[in-house]
Amino acid sequence: MASFPIADFFTTGFEISATLTVAGVPSTISVHFVNEYEQLKNINLPFESSGPLAYVKTSDVSSAVHGSTLVISGTTYYIKELQADGTGITVLALSKDA
């Protein structure tokens, strides 16, 4: 199985900058943000989603816990789940509700 450097995943041009705040301490990280529900809602399809997701480097969110915040493009999201995949990438399940 070929190895893919994790850093390369976050320098593809599709990543965006986000501010992660844990225990009142902010830090800037790169994320791949997926908000499919909003995209589908905007074209009037009757589709429900589990919510927005952010793909991040596991090392960038090692101190994050449920309820930590992630500000993406001016919108504050609360971390509801942290799903480390064992390859160095963690998927954050997000919600606009605390």
C-alpha atoms as a PDB file:
ATOM      1  CA  MET A   1       0.000   0.000   0.000  1.00  0.00           C
ATOM      2  CA  ALA A   2       1.409   3.368  -1.024  1.00  0.00           C
ATOM      3  CA  SER A   3       1.999   5.938   1.662  1.00  0.00           C
ATOM      4  CA  PHE A   4       0.626   9.460   1.263  1.00  0.00           C
ATOM      5  CA  PRO A   5       2.215  12.185   3.374  1.00  0.00           C
ATOM      6  CA  ILE A   6      -0.481  13.741   5.571  1.00  0.00           C
ATOM      7  CA  ALA A   7       0.998  17.224   5.046  1.00  0.00           C
ATOM      8  CA  ASP A   8       0.349  16.873   1.291  1.00  0.00           C
ATOM      9  CA  PHE A   9      -3.376  16.352   1.936  1.00  0.00           C
ATOM     10  CA  PHE A  10      -3.493  19.799   3.534  1.00  0.00           C
ATOM     11  CA  THR A  11      -1.606  21.622   0.759  1.00  0.00           C
ATOM     12  CA  THR A  12      -3.796  20.685  -2.211  1.00  0.00           C
ATOM     13  CA  GLY A  13      -5.402  24.104  -2.603  1.00  0.00           C
ATOM     14  CA  PHE A  14      -8.776  22.824  -1.367  1.00  0.00           C
ATOM     15  CA  GLU A  15      -8.040  23.347   2.322  1.00  0.00           C
ATOM     16  CA  ILE A  16      -9.184  26.425   4.184  1.00  0.00           C
ATOM     17  CA  SER A  17      -7.973  28.124   7.321  1.00  0.00           C
ATOM     18  CA  ALA A  18     -10.012  27.728  10.503  1.00  0.00           C
ATOM     19  CA  THR A  19      -9.654  28.822  14.100  1.00  0.00           C
ATOM     20  CA  LEU A  20      -9.841  26.029  16.657  1.00  0.00           C
ATOM     21  CA  THR A  21     -10.465  27.143  20.242  1.00  0.00           C
ATOM     22  CA  VAL A  22      -9.865  24.711  23.090  1.00  0.00           C
ATOM     23  CA  ALA A  23     -10.254  25.899  26.699  1.00  0.00           C
ATOM     24  CA  GLY A  24     -10.167  29.520  25.540  1.00  0.00           C
ATOM     25  CA  VAL A  25      -6.925  29.133  23.580  1.00  0.00           C
ATOM     26  CA  PRO A  26      -7.268  29.767  19.815  1.00  0.00           C
ATOM     27  CA  SER A  27      -5.042  28.271  17.115  1.00  0.00           C
ATOM     28  CA  THR A  28      -5.175  28.399  13.335  1.00  0.00           C
ATOM     29  CA  ILE A  29      -5.372  25.071  11.509  1.00  0.00           C
ATOM     30  CA  SER A  30      -6.024  23.886   7.957  1.00  0.00           C
ATOM     31  CA  VAL A  31      -9.222  21.945   7.288  1.00  0.00           C
ATOM     32  CA  HIS A  32     -11.072  20.319   4.435  1.00  0.00           C
ATOM     33  CA  PHE A  33     -14.648  21.420   5.119  1.00  0.00           C
ATOM     34  CA  VAL A  34     -17.693  19.513   3.875  1.00  0.00           C
ATOM     35  CA  ASN A  35     -21.129  20.991   4.388  1.00  0.00           C
ATOM     36  CA  GLU A  36     -23.144  18.914   1.934  1.00  0.00           C
ATOM     37  CA  TYR A  37     -26.473  19.524   3.644  1.00  0.00           C
ATOM     38  CA  GLU A  38     -26.198  23.258   3.046  1.00  0.00           C
ATOM     39  CA  GLN A  39     -25.257  22.693  -0.615  1.00  0.00           C
ATOM     40  CA  LEU A  40     -28.202  20.394  -1.199  1.00  0.00           C
ATOM     41  CA  LYS A  41     -30.588  22.641   0.718  1.00  0.00           C
ATOM     42  CA  ASN A  42     -29.613  25.538  -1.540  1.00  0.00           C
ATOM     43  CA  ILE A  43     -30.787  23.633  -4.627  1.00  0.00           C
ATOM     44  CA  ASN A  44     -34.071  22.622  -2.954  1.00  0.00           C
ATOM     45  CA  LEU A  45     -33.466  18.889  -2.704  1.00  0.00           C
ATOM     46  CA  PRO A  46     -35.272  17.161   0.176  1.00  0.00           C
ATOM     47  CA  PHE A  47     -32.124  15.661   1.704  1.00  0.00           C
ATOM     48  CA  GLU A  48     -30.984  15.416   5.300  1.00  0.00           C
ATOM     49  CA  SER A  49     -27.420  15.103   6.438  1.00  0.00           C
ATOM     50  CA  SER A  50     -25.690  14.336   9.685  1.00  0.00           C
ATOM     51  CA  GLY A  51     -24.179  17.820   9.565  1.00  0.00           C
ATOM     52  CA  PRO A  52     -21.007  19.569   8.516  1.00  0.00           C
ATOM     53  CA  LEU A  53     -17.659  17.796   8.731  1.00  0.00           C
ATOM     54  CA  ALA A  54     -14.062  18.984   8.892  1.00  0.00           C
ATOM     55  CA  TYR A  55     -11.112  16.778   7.962  1.00  0.00           C
ATOM     56  CA  VAL A  56      -8.050  17.826   9.973  1.00  0.00           C
ATOM     57  CA  LYS A  57      -4.579  16.636  10.931  1.00  0.00           C
ATOM     58  CA  THR A  58      -4.910  14.580  14.093  1.00  0.00           C
ATOM     59  CA  SER A  59      -1.869  16.376  15.521  1.00  0.00           C
ATOM     60  CA  ASP A  60      -3.684  19.725  15.105  1.00  0.00           C
ATOM     61  CA  VAL A  61      -6.622  18.627  17.265  1.00  0.00           C
ATOM     62  CA  SER A  62      -4.898  16.493  19.888  1.00  0.00           C
ATOM     63  CA  SER A  63      -6.232  18.706  22.706  1.00  0.00           C
ATOM     64  CA  ALA A  64      -9.733  19.218  21.229  1.00  0.00           C
ATOM     65  CA  VAL A  65     -12.732  17.850  23.093  1.00  0.00           C
ATOM     66  CA  HIS A  66     -16.473  17.762  22.529  1.00  0.00           C
ATOM     67  CA  GLY A  67     -17.699  21.336  22.681  1.00  0.00           C
ATOM     68  CA  SER A  68     -14.472  22.923  21.439  1.00  0.00           C
ATOM     69  CA  THR A  69     -15.187  25.447  18.699  1.00  0.00           C
ATOM     70  CA  LEU A  70     -14.032  25.732  15.120  1.00  0.00           C
ATOM     71  CA  VAL A  71     -14.625  28.986  13.243  1.00  0.00           C
ATOM     72  CA  ILE A  72     -14.782  28.481   9.487  1.00  0.00           C
ATOM     73  CA  SER A  73     -15.472  31.401   7.141  1.00  0.00           C
ATOM     74  CA  GLY A  74     -16.916  33.435  10.015  1.00  0.00           C
ATOM     75  CA  THR A  75     -19.291  30.707  11.247  1.00  0.00           C
ATOM     76  CA  THR A  76     -18.775  29.108  14.655  1.00  0.00           C
ATOM     77  CA  TYR A  77     -19.213  25.338  14.832  1.00  0.00           C
ATOM     78  CA  TYR A  78     -19.088  23.144  17.928  1.00  0.00           C
ATOM     79  CA  ILE A  79     -17.258  19.826  17.820  1.00  0.00           C
ATOM     80  CA  LYS A  80     -19.737  17.020  18.468  1.00  0.00           C
ATOM     81  CA  GLU A  81     -17.519  14.048  17.542  1.00  0.00           C
ATOM     82  CA  LEU A  82     -13.834  13.426  16.899  1.00  0.00           C
ATOM     83  CA  GLN A  83     -13.215  10.415  14.649  1.00  0.00           C
ATOM     84  CA  ALA A  84      -9.506   9.606  14.306  1.00  0.00           C
ATOM     85  CA  ASP A  85      -8.934   7.211  11.418  1.00  0.00           C
ATOM     86  CA  GLY A  86      -5.519   5.928  12.486  1.00  0.00           C
ATOM     87  CA  THR A  87      -3.697   7.464   9.489  1.00  0.00           C
ATOM     88  CA  GLY A  88      -3.120  10.920  10.962  1.00  0.00           C
ATOM     89  CA  ILE A  89      -6.426  12.404   9.846  1.00  0.00           C
ATOM     90  CA  THR A  90      -9.382  13.090  12.146  1.00  0.00           C
ATOM     91  CA  VAL A  91     -12.914  13.825  11.029  1.00  0.00           C
ATOM     92  CA  LEU A  92     -14.734  16.366  13.173  1.00  0.00           C
ATOM     93  CA  ALA A  93     -18.528  16.150  13.211  1.00  0.00           C
ATOM     94  CA  LEU A  94     -19.710  19.724  13.712  1.00  0.00           C
ATOM     95  CA  SER A  95     -22.882  21.557  14.683  1.00  0.00           C
ATOM     96  CA  LYS A  96     -23.882  25.211  14.859  1.00  0.00           C
ATOM     97  CA  ASP A  97     -25.629  24.347  18.135  1.00  0.00           C
ATOM     98  CA  ALA A  98     -23.628  24.158  21.353  1.00  0.00           C
END
